[in-house]
Amino acid sequence: MRAPSGANETRAVRLREDGPEARRTRGGRGGATARFVLGRVVGLVATLFAASLVVFFSRFVVPGDPARFLLRGRSPSPEAIAEVTKQYGLDKSPIEQYLSWIGGVVRGDFGRSLQYRDDVSNVLLARLPVTLELVALAAVIIVLLGLAAGIFASLRRGRAADRVILMTSTALGAVPAFVIAILLIAVFAVQLGWFPSFGSGDEGWDRFVHLILPAFALGLAFVALIARVTRSSMNEQFVREHVEVATSRGLTRSSVVLRHVLRNAIGPILLVSGVLVAGLLVSSAIVEQTFGLAGMGSLLVQSVDRLDFPVVQAIVLVVVVAFVTINTIVDLIQPLIDPRIAAGSETR
């Protein structure tokens, strides 16, 4: 008795799904993803190692004797120079000094601050919360306003609203952060009196109010860039064939935009957003100085001015680690959004 043709077709489909060719395909995709992740992790470690070398050995580029910088005296005695040289390990070779320093960094020991006479880790931990809160608030402003402006401009492409957003974003992107900070202080702090213009405030709501103007000053220029990238990426997707097919099938405009346009356009937006958010740590120094915030940016400026080498090295290394780590995380997230990225990395 012969089996029905439908049962034979179902059995054939199952054989194709579970057959050796299908298993090889799945195994190939899994191997490509694993190699993609491994490559990014190896790149992260190599970049951090190279950055640690640059951060440490840049100290030797500064002209003069480091021992005399440490003593800060006009005419230190030879005995004082010899004591400081031994105390800070300056009598060792540069390689030995680097190994000693990087070993301490791995254990969380960045040395002692020369101006605060305290462990560098304690000095950083006292300033880190303000900078992290400022960067987090600025990142939220950048992503929300940038995405909203870019999506609105793309949906109104070719119209007056699109041109206005495009011109405004171009103008904002050309204005330095300190100029935006001065304008915000003049309008919202001096004229209107809505927000404070100086200091970090106390923890909680007071801290949030003190950080609103600095966060906008830090993020507005980046909002313009995210808006332009979002607009460009969505406009590129609107002319793709799969969007035209979805529209011809009678799907609602909101469904087409969310499922077929924005979803496929999110890759470049995510990449640029990750780079910008990581760059906020570098850009925060000027804004923190302008608003008198007790963060890591202002600490870096003060430490450079006072030649506090251990603090400068620690802050630069922390910023580099954060920047590289965030970019690596973005690289690892992208294949989850578009698996072709991991597969494409195998064929390049």
C-alpha atoms as a PDB file:
ATOM      1  CA  MET A   1       0.000   0.000   0.000  1.00  0.00           C
ATOM      2  CA  ARG A   2       1.531   3.295  -1.083  1.00  0.00           C
ATOM      3  CA  ALA A   3       1.787   6.276   1.243  1.00  0.00           C
ATOM      4  CA  PRO A   4      -0.100   9.425   0.251  1.00  0.00           C
ATOM      5  CA  SER A   5       1.856  11.886  -1.844  1.00  0.00           C
ATOM      6  CA  GLY A   6       1.416  14.601   0.840  1.00  0.00           C
ATOM      7  CA  ALA A   7       3.106  12.391   3.427  1.00  0.00           C
ATOM      8  CA  ASN A   8       5.987  11.726   1.016  1.00  0.00           C
ATOM      9  CA  GLU A   9       6.456  15.447   0.424  1.00  0.00           C
ATOM     10  CA  THR A  10       6.424  16.151   4.173  1.00  0.00           C
ATOM     11  CA  ARG A  11       9.002  13.404   4.756  1.00  0.00           C
ATOM     12  CA  ALA A  12      11.184  14.828   1.982  1.00  0.00           C
ATOM     13  CA  VAL A  13      11.058  18.300   3.489  1.00  0.00           C
ATOM     14  CA  ARG A  14      12.098  16.909   6.882  1.00  0.00           C
ATOM     15  CA  LEU A  15      14.980  15.019   5.287  1.00  0.00           C
ATOM     16  CA  ARG A  16      16.181  18.212   3.597  1.00  0.00           C
ATOM     17  CA  GLU A  17      15.896  20.184   6.872  1.00  0.00           C
ATOM     18  CA  ASP A  18      17.770  17.554   8.894  1.00  0.00           C
ATOM     19  CA  GLY A  19      20.078  16.297   6.176  1.00  0.00           C
ATOM     20  CA  PRO A  20      23.859  16.641   6.056  1.00  0.00           C
ATOM     21  CA  GLU A  21      23.716  19.661   3.750  1.00  0.00           C
ATOM     22  CA  ALA A  22      21.486  21.576   6.155  1.00  0.00           C
ATOM     23  CA  ARG A  23      23.715  20.621   9.081  1.00  0.00           C
ATOM     24  CA  ARG A  24      26.783  21.822   7.175  1.00  0.00           C
ATOM     25  CA  THR A  25      25.033  25.119   6.431  1.00  0.00           C
ATOM     26  CA  ARG A  26      24.113  25.651  10.080  1.00  0.00           C
ATOM     27  CA  GLY A  27      27.590  24.612  11.166  1.00  0.00           C
ATOM     28  CA  GLY A  28      29.142  27.019   8.671  1.00  0.00           C
ATOM     29  CA  ARG A  29      27.047  29.902   9.995  1.00  0.00           C
ATOM     30  CA  GLY A  30      27.913  29.030  13.582  1.00  0.00           C
ATOM     31  CA  GLY A  31      31.606  28.831  12.700  1.00  0.00           C
ATOM     32  CA  ALA A  32      31.474  32.194  10.932  1.00  0.00           C
ATOM     33  CA  THR A  33      29.817  33.787  13.954  1.00  0.00           C
ATOM     34  CA  ALA A  34      32.379  32.267  16.308  1.00  0.00           C
ATOM     35  CA  ARG A  35      35.247  33.512  14.153  1.00  0.00           C
ATOM     36  CA  PHE A  36      33.619  36.924  13.963  1.00  0.00           C
ATOM     37  CA  VAL A  37      33.328  37.172  17.760  1.00  0.00           C
ATOM     38  CA  LEU A  38      36.832  35.800  18.308  1.00  0.00           C
ATOM     39  CA  GLY A  39      38.284  38.285  15.839  1.00  0.00           C
ATOM     40  CA  ARG A  40      36.624  41.201  17.627  1.00  0.00           C
ATOM     41  CA  VAL A  41      37.815  40.010  21.058  1.00  0.00           C
ATOM     42  CA  VAL A  42      41.384  39.523  19.818  1.00  0.00           C
ATOM     43  CA  GLY A  43      41.239  42.984  18.255  1.00  0.00           C
ATOM     44  CA  LEU A  44      40.012  44.403  21.571  1.00  0.00           C
ATOM     45  CA  VAL A  45      42.898  42.866  23.523  1.00  0.00           C
ATOM     46  CA  ALA A  46      45.488  43.972  20.940  1.00  0.00           C
ATOM     47  CA  THR A  47      44.116  47.519  20.877  1.00  0.00           C
ATOM     48  CA  LEU A  48      44.131  47.792  24.667  1.00  0.00           C
ATOM     49  CA  PHE A  49      47.707  46.500  24.819  1.00  0.00           C
ATOM     50  CA  ALA A  50      48.867  49.020  22.195  1.00  0.00           C
ATOM     51  CA  ALA A  51      46.989  51.803  23.990  1.00  0.00           C
ATOM     52  CA  SER A  52      48.643  50.937  27.309  1.00  0.00           C
ATOM     53  CA  LEU A  53      52.056  51.216  25.644  1.00  0.00           C
ATOM     54  CA  VAL A  54      51.237  54.625  24.185  1.00  0.00           C
ATOM     55  CA  VAL A  55      49.725  55.909  27.443  1.00  0.00           C
ATOM     56  CA  PHE A  56      52.686  54.858  29.558  1.00  0.00           C
ATOM     57  CA  PHE A  57      55.602  55.718  27.289  1.00  0.00           C
ATOM     58  CA  SER A  58      54.153  59.122  26.352  1.00  0.00           C
ATOM     59  CA  ARG A  59      55.432  60.248  29.738  1.00  0.00           C
ATOM     60  CA  PHE A  60      58.981  59.953  28.439  1.00  0.00           C
ATOM     61  CA  VAL A  61      58.198  62.367  25.603  1.00  0.00           C
ATOM     62  CA  VAL A  62      57.687  65.217  28.081  1.00  0.00           C
ATOM     63  CA  PRO A  63      60.913  67.250  28.182  1.00  0.00           C
ATOM     64  CA  GLY A  64      62.861  67.426  31.407  1.00  0.00           C
ATOM     65  CA  ASP A  65      63.601  65.138  34.318  1.00  0.00           C
ATOM     66  CA  PRO A  66      60.484  63.434  35.769  1.00  0.00           C
ATOM     67  CA  ALA A  67      62.039  63.542  39.250  1.00  0.00           C
ATOM     68  CA  ARG A  68      62.274  67.334  39.107  1.00  0.00           C
ATOM     69  CA  PHE A  69      58.630  67.508  38.013  1.00  0.00           C
ATOM     70  CA  LEU A  70      57.686  65.374  40.991  1.00  0.00           C
ATOM     71  CA  LEU A  71      59.609  67.532  43.469  1.00  0.00           C
ATOM     72  CA  ARG A  72      58.255  70.804  42.081  1.00  0.00           C
ATOM     73  CA  GLY A  73      61.210  72.606  43.623  1.00  0.00           C
ATOM     74  CA  ARG A  74      63.258  75.301  41.932  1.00  0.00           C
ATOM     75  CA  SER A  75      66.605  73.834  42.965  1.00  0.00           C
ATOM     76  CA  PRO A  76      66.154  70.355  44.550  1.00  0.00           C
ATOM     77  CA  SER A  77      69.162  68.777  46.182  1.00  0.00           C
ATOM     78  CA  PRO A  78      70.787  65.693  44.631  1.00  0.00           C
ATOM     79  CA  GLU A  79      69.717  63.680  47.699  1.00  0.00           C
ATOM     80  CA  ALA A  80      66.065  64.649  47.205  1.00  0.00           C
ATOM     81  CA  ILE A  81      66.217  63.759  43.515  1.00  0.00           C
ATOM     82  CA  ALA A  82      67.795  60.387  44.309  1.00  0.00           C
ATOM     83  CA  GLU A  83      65.134  59.626  46.946  1.00  0.00           C
ATOM     84  CA  VAL A  84      62.235  60.485  44.641  1.00  0.00           C
ATOM     85  CA  THR A  85      63.822  58.554  41.782  1.00  0.00           C
ATOM     86  CA  LYS A  86      64.025  55.431  43.927  1.00  0.00           C
ATOM     87  CA  GLN A  87      60.585  55.905  45.490  1.00  0.00           C
ATOM     88  CA  TYR A  88      58.792  56.083  42.130  1.00  0.00           C
ATOM     89  CA  GLY A  89      60.974  53.460  40.457  1.00  0.00           C
ATOM     90  CA  LEU A  90      62.492  55.925  38.008  1.00  0.00           C
ATOM     91  CA  ASP A  91      65.869  54.259  38.416  1.00  0.00           C
ATOM     92  CA  LYS A  92      64.553  51.165  36.603  1.00  0.00           C
ATOM     93  CA  SER A  93      64.560  50.687  32.870  1.00  0.00           C
ATOM     94  CA  PRO A  94      61.479  51.875  30.929  1.00  0.00           C
ATOM     95  CA  ILE A  95      60.427  48.266  30.261  1.00  0.00           C
ATOM     96  CA  GLU A  96      60.631  47.408  33.963  1.00  0.00           C
ATOM     97  CA  GLN A  97      58.648  50.530  34.819  1.00  0.00           C
ATOM     98  CA  TYR A  98      55.969  49.586  32.296  1.00  0.00           C
ATOM     99  CA  LEU A  99      55.676  46.018  33.584  1.00  0.00           C
ATOM    100  CA  SER A 100      55.373  47.312  37.128  1.00  0.00           C
ATOM    101  CA  TRP A 101      52.758  49.877  36.106  1.00  0.00           C
ATOM    102  CA  ILE A 102      50.625  47.537  33.984  1.00  0.00           C
ATOM    103  CA  GLY A 103      50.769  44.903  36.718  1.00  0.00           C
ATOM    104  CA  GLY A 104      49.359  47.450  39.159  1.00  0.00           C
ATOM    105  CA  VAL A 105      46.681  48.522  36.660  1.00  0.00           C
ATOM    106  CA  VAL A 106      45.498  44.918  36.296  1.00  0.00           C
ATOM    107  CA  ARG A 107      45.102  44.813  40.086  1.00  0.00           C
ATOM    108  CA  GLY A 108      43.321  48.189  40.121  1.00  0.00           C
ATOM    109  CA  ASP A 109      46.348  50.085  41.443  1.00  0.00           C
ATOM    110  CA  PHE A 110      47.135  53.163  39.323  1.00  0.00           C
ATOM    111  CA  GLY A 111      49.688  54.574  41.748  1.00  0.00           C
ATOM    112  CA  ARG A 112      49.436  57.702  43.911  1.00  0.00           C
ATOM    113  CA  SER A 113      48.300  61.144  42.875  1.00  0.00           C
ATOM    114  CA  LEU A 114      50.959  63.824  43.286  1.00  0.00           C
ATOM    115  CA  GLN A 115      48.540  66.690  43.873  1.00  0.00           C
ATOM    116  CA  TYR A 116      45.996  64.894  46.094  1.00  0.00           C
ATOM    117  CA  ARG A 117      48.485  62.668  47.956  1.00  0.00           C
ATOM    118  CA  ASP A 118      46.044  59.768  47.655  1.00  0.00           C
ATOM    119  CA  ASP A 119      45.632  56.613  45.596  1.00  0.00           C
ATOM    120  CA  VAL A 120      44.662  57.432  42.019  1.00  0.00           C
ATOM    121  CA  SER A 121      41.835  54.883  42.152  1.00  0.00           C
ATOM    122  CA  ASN A 122      40.259  56.763  45.087  1.00  0.00           C
ATOM    123  CA  VAL A 123      40.559  60.077  43.250  1.00  0.00           C
ATOM    124  CA  LEU A 124      38.933  58.617  40.127  1.00  0.00           C
ATOM    125  CA  LEU A 125      36.114  56.923  42.025  1.00  0.00           C
ATOM    126  CA  ALA A 126      35.228  60.252  43.645  1.00  0.00           C
ATOM    127  CA  ARG A 127      34.893  61.924  40.223  1.00  0.00           C
ATOM    128  CA  LEU A 128      33.559  59.044  38.121  1.00  0.00           C
ATOM    129  CA  PRO A 129      29.835  59.190  39.114  1.00  0.00           C
ATOM    130  CA  VAL A 130      29.393  62.763  37.842  1.00  0.00           C
ATOM    131  CA  THR A 131      30.957  61.965  34.474  1.00  0.00           C
ATOM    132  CA  LEU A 132      28.981  58.738  34.046  1.00  0.00           C
ATOM    133  CA  GLU A 133      25.698  60.484  34.880  1.00  0.00           C
ATOM    134  CA  LEU A 134      26.519  63.338  32.499  1.00  0.00           C
ATOM    135  CA  VAL A 135      27.422  60.949  29.675  1.00  0.00           C
ATOM    136  CA  ALA A 136      24.347  58.768  30.305  1.00  0.00           C
ATOM    137  CA  LEU A 137      21.988  61.756  30.225  1.00  0.00           C
ATOM    138  CA  ALA A 138      23.659  63.158  27.117  1.00  0.00           C
ATOM    139  CA  ALA A 139      23.451  59.729  25.433  1.00  0.00           C
ATOM    140  CA  VAL A 140      19.700  59.542  26.092  1.00  0.00           C
ATOM    141  CA  ILE A 141      19.248  63.028  24.627  1.00  0.00           C
ATOM    142  CA  ILE A 142      21.344  62.153  21.581  1.00  0.00           C
ATOM    143  CA  VAL A 143      19.547  58.894  20.802  1.00  0.00           C
ATOM    144  CA  LEU A 144      15.999  60.104  21.433  1.00  0.00           C
ATOM    145  CA  LEU A 145      16.217  63.499  19.748  1.00  0.00           C
ATOM    146  CA  GLY A 146      18.502  62.272  16.972  1.00  0.00           C
ATOM    147  CA  LEU A 147      16.285  59.322  16.068  1.00  0.00           C
ATOM    148  CA  ALA A 148      13.099  61.398  16.297  1.00  0.00           C
ATOM    149  CA  ALA A 149      14.482  64.183  14.085  1.00  0.00           C
ATOM    150  CA  GLY A 150      15.965  61.751  11.551  1.00  0.00           C
ATOM    151  CA  ILE A 151      12.802  59.637  11.301  1.00  0.00           C
ATOM    152  CA  PHE A 152      10.594  62.714  10.957  1.00  0.00           C
ATOM    153  CA  ALA A 153      12.861  64.182   8.258  1.00  0.00           C
ATOM    154  CA  SER A 154      12.903  60.892   6.340  1.00  0.00           C
ATOM    155  CA  LEU A 155       9.116  60.567   6.467  1.00  0.00           C
ATOM    156  CA  ARG A 156       8.840  64.152   5.169  1.00  0.00           C
ATOM    157  CA  ARG A 157      11.683  63.833   2.658  1.00  0.00           C
ATOM    158  CA  GLY A 158      11.686  66.529   0.005  1.00  0.00           C
ATOM    159  CA  ARG A 159       9.305  68.728   1.976  1.00  0.00           C
ATOM    160  CA  ALA A 160       9.900  71.894   3.966  1.00  0.00           C
ATOM    161  CA  ALA A 161      10.208  70.044   7.292  1.00  0.00           C
ATOM    162  CA  ASP A 162      12.944  67.829   5.863  1.00  0.00           C
ATOM    163  CA  ARG A 163      14.922  70.838   4.624  1.00  0.00           C
ATOM    164  CA  VAL A 164      14.546  72.660   7.945  1.00  0.00           C
ATOM    165  CA  ILE A 165      15.819  69.654   9.926  1.00  0.00           C
ATOM    166  CA  LEU A 166      18.679  69.171   7.478  1.00  0.00           C
ATOM    167  CA  MET A 167      19.798  72.816   7.709  1.00  0.00           C
ATOM    168  CA  THR A 168      19.383  72.911  11.495  1.00  0.00           C
ATOM    169  CA  SER A 169      21.393  69.719  11.994  1.00  0.00           C
ATOM    170  CA  THR A 170      24.142  71.044   9.717  1.00  0.00           C
ATOM    171  CA  ALA A 171      24.334  74.271  11.709  1.00  0.00           C
ATOM    172  CA  LEU A 172      24.321  72.491  15.084  1.00  0.00           C
ATOM    173  CA  GLY A 173      27.040  70.099  13.963  1.00  0.00           C
ATOM    174  CA  ALA A 174      29.325  73.044  13.190  1.00  0.00           C
ATOM    175  CA  VAL A 175      28.939  74.757  16.581  1.00  0.00           C
ATOM    176  CA  PRO A 176      31.518  73.792  19.261  1.00  0.00           C
ATOM    177  CA  ALA A 177      30.257  72.424  22.564  1.00  0.00           C
ATOM    178  CA  PHE A 178      31.606  75.333  24.616  1.00  0.00           C
ATOM    179  CA  VAL A 179      29.704  77.841  22.445  1.00  0.00           C
ATOM    180  CA  ILE A 180      26.482  75.898  22.957  1.00  0.00           C
ATOM    181  CA  ALA A 181      27.254  75.790  26.690  1.00  0.00           C
ATOM    182  CA  ILE A 182      27.673  79.574  26.863  1.00  0.00           C
ATOM    183  CA  LEU A 183      24.412  80.126  24.967  1.00  0.00           C
ATOM    184  CA  LEU A 184      22.508  77.719  27.221  1.00  0.00           C
ATOM    185  CA  ILE A 185      23.887  79.398  30.341  1.00  0.00           C
ATOM    186  CA  ALA A 186      23.012  82.871  29.037  1.00  0.00           C
ATOM    187  CA  VAL A 187      19.434  81.932  28.132  1.00  0.00           C
ATOM    188  CA  PHE A 188      18.270  79.256  30.576  1.00  0.00           C
ATOM    189  CA  ALA A 189      20.417  80.053  33.626  1.00  0.00           C
ATOM    190  CA  VAL A 190      20.929  83.838  33.536  1.00  0.00           C
ATOM    191  CA  GLN A 191      17.892  85.171  31.663  1.00  0.00           C
ATOM    192  CA  LEU A 192      15.202  82.641  32.610  1.00  0.00           C
ATOM    193  CA  GLY A 193      16.752  81.233  35.782  1.00  0.00           C
ATOM    194  CA  TRP A 194      15.372  77.756  35.141  1.00  0.00           C
ATOM    195  CA  PHE A 195      18.576  75.801  35.741  1.00  0.00           C
ATOM    196  CA  PRO A 196      21.787  76.297  37.732  1.00  0.00           C
ATOM    197  CA  SER A 197      24.877  77.240  35.768  1.00  0.00           C
ATOM    198  CA  PHE A 198      27.643  75.966  38.023  1.00  0.00           C
ATOM    199  CA  GLY A 199      28.452  72.944  40.163  1.00  0.00           C
ATOM    200  CA  SER A 200      27.449  69.294  40.269  1.00  0.00           C
ATOM    201  CA  GLY A 201      24.799  69.557  42.969  1.00  0.00           C
ATOM    202  CA  ASP A 202      23.916  66.901  45.511  1.00  0.00           C
ATOM    203  CA  GLU A 203      22.951  63.353  44.644  1.00  0.00           C
ATOM    204  CA  GLY A 204      19.450  62.644  43.402  1.00  0.00           C
ATOM    205  CA  TRP A 205      17.109  65.206  41.857  1.00  0.00           C
ATOM    206  CA  ASP A 206      19.464  68.132  42.537  1.00  0.00           C
ATOM    207  CA  ARG A 207      22.239  66.387  40.590  1.00  0.00           C
ATOM    208  CA  PHE A 208      19.839  65.738  37.700  1.00  0.00           C
ATOM    209  CA  VAL A 209      18.820  69.417  37.526  1.00  0.00           C
ATOM    210  CA  HIS A 210      22.469  70.519  37.569  1.00  0.00           C
ATOM    211  CA  LEU A 211      23.312  68.149  34.701  1.00  0.00           C
ATOM    212  CA  ILE A 212      20.500  69.100  32.296  1.00  0.00           C
ATOM    213  CA  LEU A 213      22.260  72.076  30.701  1.00  0.00           C
ATOM    214  CA  PRO A 214      25.678  70.342  30.541  1.00  0.00           C
ATOM    215  CA  ALA A 215      24.067  67.270  28.960  1.00  0.00           C
ATOM    216  CA  PHE A 216      22.380  69.358  26.263  1.00  0.00           C
ATOM    217  CA  ALA A 217      25.606  71.288  25.666  1.00  0.00           C
ATOM    218  CA  LEU A 218      27.481  68.014  25.309  1.00  0.00           C
ATOM    219  CA  GLY A 219      24.895  66.248  23.165  1.00  0.00           C
ATOM    220  CA  LEU A 220      23.297  68.757  20.787  1.00  0.00           C
ATOM    221  CA  ALA A 221      26.073  68.603  18.194  1.00  0.00           C
ATOM    222  CA  PHE A 222      25.894  64.800  18.263  1.00  0.00           C
ATOM    223  CA  VAL A 223      22.089  64.913  17.952  1.00  0.00           C
ATOM    224  CA  ALA A 224      22.583  66.594  14.601  1.00  0.00           C
ATOM    225  CA  LEU A 225      24.874  63.807  13.379  1.00  0.00           C
ATOM    226  CA  ILE A 226      22.518  61.011  14.498  1.00  0.00           C
ATOM    227  CA  ALA A 227      19.613  62.801  12.809  1.00  0.00           C
ATOM    228  CA  ARG A 228      21.513  63.027   9.517  1.00  0.00           C
ATOM    229  CA  VAL A 229      22.634  59.386   9.653  1.00  0.00           C
ATOM    230  CA  THR A 230      19.096  58.209  10.496  1.00  0.00           C
ATOM    231  CA  ARG A 231      17.601  60.262   7.688  1.00  0.00           C
ATOM    232  CA  SER A 232      20.147  59.036   5.133  1.00  0.00           C
ATOM    233  CA  SER A 233      19.895  55.389   6.174  1.00  0.00           C
ATOM    234  CA  MET A 234      16.079  55.385   6.098  1.00  0.00           C
ATOM    235  CA  ASN A 235      15.951  57.174   2.741  1.00  0.00           C
ATOM    236  CA  GLU A 236      18.207  54.465   1.350  1.00  0.00           C
ATOM    237  CA  GLN A 237      15.853  51.752   2.594  1.00  0.00           C
ATOM    238  CA  PHE A 238      12.719  53.438   1.223  1.00  0.00           C
ATOM    239  CA  VAL A 239      13.839  52.775  -2.365  1.00  0.00           C
ATOM    240  CA  ARG A 240      14.722  49.119  -1.779  1.00  0.00           C
ATOM    241  CA  GLU A 241      12.694  46.416  -3.500  1.00  0.00           C
ATOM    242  CA  HIS A 242      11.488  44.709  -0.311  1.00  0.00           C
ATOM    243  CA  VAL A 243       9.923  47.993   0.876  1.00  0.00           C
ATOM    244  CA  GLU A 244       8.117  48.435  -2.444  1.00  0.00           C
ATOM    245  CA  VAL A 245       6.854  44.845  -2.232  1.00  0.00           C
ATOM    246  CA  ALA A 246       5.621  45.373   1.341  1.00  0.00           C
ATOM    247  CA  THR A 247       3.829  48.554   0.274  1.00  0.00           C
ATOM    248  CA  SER A 248       2.234  46.846  -2.737  1.00  0.00           C
ATOM    249  CA  ARG A 249       0.890  44.094  -0.455  1.00  0.00           C
ATOM    250  CA  GLY A 250      -1.253  46.699   1.292  1.00  0.00           C
ATOM    251  CA  LEU A 251       0.593  46.897   4.608  1.00  0.00           C
ATOM    252  CA  THR A 252       0.008  50.029   6.647  1.00  0.00           C
ATOM    253  CA  ARG A 253       2.627  52.780   6.420  1.00  0.00           C
ATOM    254  CA  SER A 254       3.561  52.421  10.101  1.00  0.00           C
ATOM    255  CA  SER A 255       4.123  48.678   9.619  1.00  0.00           C
ATOM    256  CA  VAL A 256       6.287  49.279   6.560  1.00  0.00           C
ATOM    257  CA  VAL A 257       8.351  51.918   8.357  1.00  0.00           C
ATOM    258  CA  LEU A 258       8.902  49.902  11.545  1.00  0.00           C
ATOM    259  CA  ARG A 259       9.329  46.384  10.126  1.00  0.00           C
ATOM    260  CA  HIS A 260      10.980  47.011   6.766  1.00  0.00           C
ATOM    261  CA  VAL A 261      12.607  50.454   6.805  1.00  0.00           C
ATOM    262  CA  LEU A 262      13.747  51.278  10.330  1.00  0.00           C
ATOM    263  CA  ARG A 263      14.692  47.691  11.154  1.00  0.00           C
ATOM    264  CA  ASN A 264      17.033  47.451   8.153  1.00  0.00           C
ATOM    265  CA  ALA A 265      18.351  50.984   8.653  1.00  0.00           C
ATOM    266  CA  ILE A 266      19.264  50.481  12.323  1.00  0.00           C
ATOM    267  CA  GLY A 267      22.718  49.000  11.591  1.00  0.00           C
ATOM    268  CA  PRO A 268      24.501  52.221  10.540  1.00  0.00           C
ATOM    269  CA  ILE A 269      22.570  54.172  13.175  1.00  0.00           C
ATOM    270  CA  LEU A 270      23.711  51.796  15.916  1.00  0.00           C
ATOM    271  CA  LEU A 271      27.319  51.924  14.729  1.00  0.00           C
ATOM    272  CA  VAL A 272      27.472  55.722  14.686  1.00  0.00           C
ATOM    273  CA  SER A 273      25.608  55.974  18.003  1.00  0.00           C
ATOM    274  CA  GLY A 274      28.092  53.656  19.694  1.00  0.00           C
ATOM    275  CA  VAL A 275      31.058  55.674  18.436  1.00  0.00           C
ATOM    276  CA  LEU A 276      29.473  58.958  19.526  1.00  0.00           C
ATOM    277  CA  VAL A 277      28.489  57.748  22.985  1.00  0.00           C
ATOM    278  CA  ALA A 278      32.024  56.475  23.530  1.00  0.00           C
ATOM    279  CA  GLY A 279      33.363  59.819  22.323  1.00  0.00           C
ATOM    280  CA  LEU A 280      31.295  61.652  24.937  1.00  0.00           C
ATOM    281  CA  LEU A 281      33.872  60.660  27.555  1.00  0.00           C
ATOM    282  CA  VAL A 282      36.492  62.610  25.620  1.00  0.00           C
ATOM    283  CA  SER A 283      34.249  65.589  24.861  1.00  0.00           C
ATOM    284  CA  SER A 284      33.021  65.942  28.427  1.00  0.00           C
ATOM    285  CA  ALA A 285      36.214  67.710  29.595  1.00  0.00           C
ATOM    286  CA  ILE A 286      35.324  71.064  28.022  1.00  0.00           C
ATOM    287  CA  VAL A 287      31.721  70.958  29.215  1.00  0.00           C
ATOM    288  CA  GLU A 288      32.732  69.976  32.750  1.00  0.00           C
ATOM    289  CA  GLN A 289      35.177  72.871  32.892  1.00  0.00           C
ATOM    290  CA  THR A 290      32.545  75.319  31.600  1.00  0.00           C
ATOM    291  CA  PHE A 291      29.899  74.276  34.145  1.00  0.00           C
ATOM    292  CA  GLY A 292      32.316  73.634  37.024  1.00  0.00           C
ATOM    293  CA  LEU A 293      31.422  69.947  37.323  1.00  0.00           C
ATOM    294  CA  ALA A 294      33.593  67.761  39.541  1.00  0.00           C
ATOM    295  CA  GLY A 295      34.024  65.017  36.957  1.00  0.00           C
ATOM    296  CA  MET A 296      36.849  63.133  35.296  1.00  0.00           C
ATOM    297  CA  GLY A 297      37.093  65.586  32.410  1.00  0.00           C
ATOM    298  CA  SER A 298      37.843  68.564  34.628  1.00  0.00           C
ATOM    299  CA  LEU A 299      40.183  66.369  36.685  1.00  0.00           C
ATOM    300  CA  LEU A 300      42.113  65.507  33.523  1.00  0.00           C
ATOM    301  CA  VAL A 301      42.551  69.195  32.642  1.00  0.00           C
ATOM    302  CA  GLN A 302      43.754  70.011  36.165  1.00  0.00           C
ATOM    303  CA  SER A 303      46.110  67.038  36.248  1.00  0.00           C
ATOM    304  CA  VAL A 304      47.691  67.956  32.919  1.00  0.00           C
ATOM    305  CA  ASP A 305      48.185  71.516  34.133  1.00  0.00           C
ATOM    306  CA  ARG A 306      49.803  70.308  37.375  1.00  0.00           C
ATOM    307  CA  LEU A 307      51.833  67.502  35.748  1.00  0.00           C
ATOM    308  CA  ASP A 308      50.154  64.802  37.824  1.00  0.00           C
ATOM    309  CA  PHE A 309      51.364  61.931  35.608  1.00  0.00           C
ATOM    310  CA  PRO A 310      49.682  59.000  37.433  1.00  0.00           C
ATOM    311  CA  VAL A 311      46.243  60.628  37.264  1.00  0.00           C
ATOM    312  CA  VAL A 312      46.650  61.629  33.603  1.00  0.00           C
ATOM    313  CA  GLN A 313      47.736  58.107  32.651  1.00  0.00           C
ATOM    314  CA  ALA A 314      44.858  56.535  34.574  1.00  0.00           C
ATOM    315  CA  ILE A 315      42.175  58.784  33.070  1.00  0.00           C
ATOM    316  CA  VAL A 316      43.473  58.395  29.519  1.00  0.00           C
ATOM    317  CA  LEU A 317      43.630  54.617  29.931  1.00  0.00           C
ATOM    318  CA  VAL A 318      40.094  54.468  31.367  1.00  0.00           C
ATOM    319  CA  VAL A 319      38.751  56.565  28.479  1.00  0.00           C
ATOM    320  CA  VAL A 320      40.537  54.398  25.901  1.00  0.00           C
ATOM    321  CA  VAL A 321      39.255  51.193  27.515  1.00  0.00           C
ATOM    322  CA  ALA A 322      35.688  52.536  27.587  1.00  0.00           C
ATOM    323  CA  PHE A 323      35.889  53.761  23.981  1.00  0.00           C
ATOM    324  CA  VAL A 324      37.291  50.510  22.593  1.00  0.00           C
ATOM    325  CA  THR A 325      34.985  48.319  24.689  1.00  0.00           C
ATOM    326  CA  ILE A 326      31.834  50.174  23.619  1.00  0.00           C
ATOM    327  CA  ASN A 327      32.826  49.946  19.959  1.00  0.00           C
ATOM    328  CA  THR A 328      33.536  46.225  20.334  1.00  0.00           C
ATOM    329  CA  ILE A 329      30.137  45.677  21.951  1.00  0.00           C
ATOM    330  CA  VAL A 330      28.487  47.515  19.051  1.00  0.00           C
ATOM    331  CA  ASP A 331      30.383  45.303  16.587  1.00  0.00           C
ATOM    332  CA  LEU A 332      29.156  42.203  18.423  1.00  0.00           C
ATOM    333  CA  ILE A 333      25.549  43.410  18.519  1.00  0.00           C
ATOM    334  CA  GLN A 334      25.369  44.205  14.805  1.00  0.00           C
ATOM    335  CA  PRO A 335      25.333  40.528  13.643  1.00  0.00           C
ATOM    336  CA  LEU A 336      22.321  39.958  15.888  1.00  0.00           C
ATOM    337  CA  ILE A 337      20.504  42.650  13.917  1.00  0.00           C
ATOM    338  CA  ASP A 338      21.899  41.662  10.520  1.00  0.00           C
ATOM    339  CA  PRO A 339      23.403  38.120  10.417  1.00  0.00           C
ATOM    340  CA  ARG A 340      24.894  38.902   6.992  1.00  0.00           C
ATOM    341  CA  ILE A 341      27.627  40.899   8.747  1.00  0.00           C
ATOM    342  CA  ALA A 342      29.048  37.806  10.448  1.00  0.00           C
ATOM    343  CA  ALA A 343      28.661  35.739   7.299  1.00  0.00           C
ATOM    344  CA  GLY A 344      30.245  38.482   5.204  1.00  0.00           C
ATOM    345  CA  SER A 345      33.260  38.618   7.520  1.00  0.00           C
ATOM    346  CA  GLU A 346      34.081  35.092   6.421  1.00  0.00           C
ATOM    347  CA  THR A 347      34.157  35.907   2.721  1.00  0.00           C
ATOM    348  CA  ARG A 348      36.142  39.117   2.859  1.00  0.00           C
END
